């Protein structure tokens, strides 16, 4: 993975489409998961904006594959913050609005939404910093050092936020009612 990302970065810097494609293939999934966890209105569309910005700014990026993940997640975090600000200035959509992308399986959609709301309720017990650290660590699978760089906090502070957040979730979740009494995955 690391060697492939190094090679992809070299190719992308040279303007080779294969390099851009490889970087996108490697990081798009974690970026979309992070944006979904941050409740972005259109995670896939916002991810495309992230990579467009990253690829446009690649000439000014000074680093290797190790720094590339952190740089892209810094862009992602900034786009998520901008998205949240933009949505806060717009009127709220009605809860009865038609879903953007119906899959045809109403039961699966309802259960997925209930599970997502349940996770959001559990994360509501955390501070914003704890949520941010846990989403970057667990959903986006970033290292502590990468998270520290993205959120602009010392590594020890990130470790403490992660530890406190997990401890808090550990206290909240056992008493929480999971949707329709289903088993947690």
Protein backbone atom coordinates (compact mmCIF):
# COMPACT_ATOMS: atom_id res chain seq x y z
CA UNK A 1 0.00 0.00 0.00
CA UNK A 2 2.71 2.50 1.02
CA UNK A 3 4.92 1.68 -1.96
CA UNK A 4 1.92 1.93 -4.26
CA UNK A 5 0.93 5.30 -2.81
CA UNK A 6 4.52 6.56 -3.23
CA UNK A 7 4.51 5.48 -6.87
CA UNK A 8 1.02 6.94 -7.42
CA UNK A 9 2.14 10.28 -5.94
CA UNK A 10 5.17 10.35 -8.24
CA UNK A 11 2.97 9.59 -11.26
CA UNK A 12 0.36 12.19 -10.25
CA UNK A 13 3.03 14.86 -9.82
CA UNK A 14 4.13 14.07 -13.37
CA UNK A 15 0.54 14.57 -14.54
CA UNK A 16 -0.11 10.87 -15.19
CA UNK A 17 -3.81 9.98 -14.88
CA UNK A 18 -2.93 6.56 -13.42
CA UNK A 19 -1.36 8.29 -10.41
CA UNK A 20 -4.47 10.37 -9.74
CA UNK A 21 -6.67 7.29 -10.13
CA UNK A 22 -4.57 5.25 -7.72
CA UNK A 23 -4.59 7.99 -5.07
CA UNK A 24 -8.34 8.35 -5.43
CA UNK A 25 -8.86 4.58 -5.24
CA UNK A 26 -6.75 4.34 -2.09
CA UNK A 27 -8.23 7.26 -0.16
CA UNK A 28 -11.76 7.86 -1.49
CA UNK A 29 -13.40 5.24 0.76
CA UNK A 30 -11.98 6.62 4.02
CA UNK A 31 -12.74 10.19 2.91
CA UNK A 32 -16.39 9.36 2.13
CA UNK A 33 -16.76 7.47 5.44
CA UNK A 34 -15.36 10.46 7.33
CA UNK A 35 -17.70 12.87 5.53
CA UNK A 36 -20.65 10.55 6.17
CA UNK A 37 -19.77 10.42 9.86
CA UNK A 38 -19.60 14.22 9.87
CA UNK A 39 -23.16 14.23 8.43
CA UNK A 40 -22.20 15.92 5.18
CA UNK A 41 -25.20 16.54 2.97
CA UNK A 42 -23.61 14.82 -0.05
CA UNK A 43 -20.54 12.85 1.11
CA UNK A 44 -19.65 11.52 -2.35
CA UNK A 45 -19.96 14.93 -3.99
CA UNK A 46 -17.95 16.57 -1.25
CA UNK A 47 -15.29 13.85 -1.57
CA UNK A 48 -15.02 14.70 -5.26
CA UNK A 49 -14.46 18.35 -4.30
CA UNK A 50 -11.76 17.23 -1.84
CA UNK A 51 -9.85 15.31 -4.50
CA UNK A 52 -10.31 18.06 -7.07
CA UNK A 53 -8.77 20.55 -4.61
CA UNK A 54 -6.01 18.11 -3.70
CA UNK A 55 -5.11 17.37 -7.30
CA UNK A 56 -5.13 21.06 -8.21
CA UNK A 57 -2.83 21.80 -5.27
CA UNK A 58 -0.55 18.80 -5.77
CA UNK A 59 2.17 20.96 -7.33
CA UNK A 60 2.47 22.92 -4.07
CA UNK A 61 2.31 19.80 -1.87
CA UNK A 62 5.71 19.10 -0.36
CA UNK A 63 5.82 15.63 1.09
CA UNK A 64 5.67 11.94 0.45
CA UNK A 65 2.99 9.30 0.75
CA UNK A 66 3.11 9.45 4.56
CA UNK A 67 2.16 13.12 4.53
CA UNK A 68 -0.30 12.75 1.63
CA UNK A 69 -3.00 11.04 3.74
CA UNK A 70 -2.81 13.73 6.40
CA UNK A 71 -2.86 16.50 3.80
CA UNK A 72 -5.91 15.06 2.06
CA UNK A 73 -7.72 14.61 5.39
CA UNK A 74 -6.90 18.18 6.33
CA UNK A 75 -8.58 19.28 3.10
CA UNK A 76 -11.46 16.89 3.87
CA UNK A 77 -11.94 18.27 7.36
CA UNK A 78 -11.93 21.84 6.06
CA UNK A 79 -14.49 20.95 3.37
CA UNK A 80 -16.68 19.27 6.03
CA UNK A 81 -16.51 22.39 8.21
CA UNK A 82 -17.36 24.61 5.22
CA UNK A 83 -20.26 22.27 4.32
CA UNK A 84 -21.65 22.45 7.87
CA UNK A 85 -21.40 26.25 7.89
CA UNK A 86 -23.08 26.48 4.50
CA UNK A 87 -25.94 24.23 5.64
CA UNK A 88 -26.40 26.19 8.87
CA UNK A 89 -27.11 29.31 6.81
CA UNK A 90 -29.74 27.55 4.66
CA UNK A 91 -33.28 26.66 5.67
CA UNK A 92 -33.63 23.08 6.93
CA UNK A 93 -35.04 20.46 4.58
CA UNK A 94 -38.30 18.86 5.52
CA UNK A 95 -38.09 15.41 7.10
CA UNK A 96 -40.78 14.28 4.66
CA UNK A 97 -38.62 15.08 1.64
CA UNK A 98 -38.05 12.31 -0.86
CA UNK A 99 -34.66 10.64 -0.34
CA UNK A 100 -31.99 11.64 -2.85
CA UNK A 101 -31.06 8.11 -3.85
CA UNK A 102 -33.74 5.54 -3.13
CA UNK A 103 -32.41 2.00 -3.34
CA UNK A 104 -35.76 0.30 -3.62
CA UNK A 105 -35.32 -1.61 -0.36
CA UNK A 106 -37.38 0.46 2.05
CA UNK A 107 -36.73 -1.81 5.04
CA UNK A 108 -32.97 -1.65 4.54
CA UNK A 109 -33.11 2.14 4.17
CA UNK A 110 -35.17 2.56 7.34
CA UNK A 111 -32.92 0.24 9.36
CA UNK A 112 -29.80 1.97 8.06
CA UNK A 113 -31.24 5.36 8.99
CA UNK A 114 -32.24 4.14 12.46
CA UNK A 115 -28.78 2.67 13.03
CA UNK A 116 -27.16 5.89 11.85
CA UNK A 117 -29.38 7.93 14.18
CA UNK A 118 -28.53 5.55 17.04
CA UNK A 119 -24.80 6.06 16.45
CA UNK A 120 -25.36 9.83 16.28
CA UNK A 121 -27.21 9.69 19.63
CA UNK A 122 -24.33 7.80 21.23
CA UNK A 123 -21.77 10.24 19.83
CA UNK A 124 -23.84 13.17 21.10
CA UNK A 125 -22.58 12.32 24.60
CA UNK A 126 -19.05 13.22 23.46
CA UNK A 127 -17.44 16.61 23.14
CA UNK A 128 -16.87 17.90 19.61
CA UNK A 129 -13.12 17.25 19.94
CA UNK A 130 -13.71 13.67 21.13
CA UNK A 131 -16.10 13.02 18.22
CA UNK A 132 -13.62 14.45 15.73
CA UNK A 133 -10.74 12.35 17.03
CA UNK A 134 -12.78 9.13 17.16
CA UNK A 135 -14.17 9.59 13.66
CA UNK A 136 -10.71 10.27 12.24
CA UNK A 137 -9.19 7.32 14.11
CA UNK A 138 -11.95 4.71 13.81
CA UNK A 139 -13.83 5.62 10.66
CA UNK A 140 -11.01 7.07 8.57
CA UNK A 141 -8.35 4.74 10.05
CA UNK A 142 -5.74 7.46 10.54
CA UNK A 143 -2.80 7.22 12.92
CA UNK A 144 -2.63 9.29 16.10
CA UNK A 145 0.12 11.42 14.54
CA UNK A 146 -1.99 12.08 11.43
CA UNK A 147 -5.02 13.01 13.56
CA UNK A 148 -2.89 15.30 15.72
CA UNK A 149 -1.64 17.09 12.64
CA UNK A 150 -5.14 17.42 11.15
CA UNK A 151 -6.81 18.77 14.30
CA UNK A 152 -3.81 20.86 15.31
CA UNK A 153 -3.35 19.31 18.75
CA UNK A 154 -0.37 17.58 20.39
CA UNK A 155 -0.23 13.79 20.14
CA UNK A 156 -0.76 13.40 23.90
CA UNK A 157 -3.91 15.54 23.71
CA UNK A 158 -5.27 13.38 20.87
CA UNK A 159 -4.55 10.22 22.86
CA UNK A 160 -6.34 11.69 25.87
CA UNK A 161 -9.35 12.73 23.75
CA UNK A 162 -9.53 9.26 22.24
CA UNK A 163 -9.25 7.55 25.62
CA UNK A 164 -11.87 9.78 27.25
CA UNK A 165 -14.20 9.44 24.27
CA UNK A 166 -13.99 5.65 24.23
CA UNK A 167 -14.45 5.52 27.99
CA UNK A 168 -17.54 7.74 27.72
CA UNK A 169 -19.00 5.61 24.92
CA UNK A 170 -18.28 2.52 27.00
CA UNK A 171 -20.45 3.96 29.76
CA UNK A 172 -23.25 5.16 27.43
CA UNK A 173 -23.67 2.24 25.03
CA UNK A 174 -24.45 -0.64 27.43
CA UNK A 175 -27.64 1.12 28.57
CA UNK A 176 -28.63 2.41 25.14
CA UNK A 177 -31.56 0.82 23.33
CA UNK A 178 -30.54 -0.32 19.87
CA UNK A 179 -33.13 0.12 17.07
CA UNK A 180 -35.86 -2.54 17.13
CA UNK A 181 -33.94 -4.63 19.66
CA UNK A 182 -31.67 -5.93 16.91
CA UNK A 183 -28.22 -7.22 17.77
CA UNK A 184 -25.45 -4.71 17.40
CA UNK A 185 -22.98 -5.59 14.68
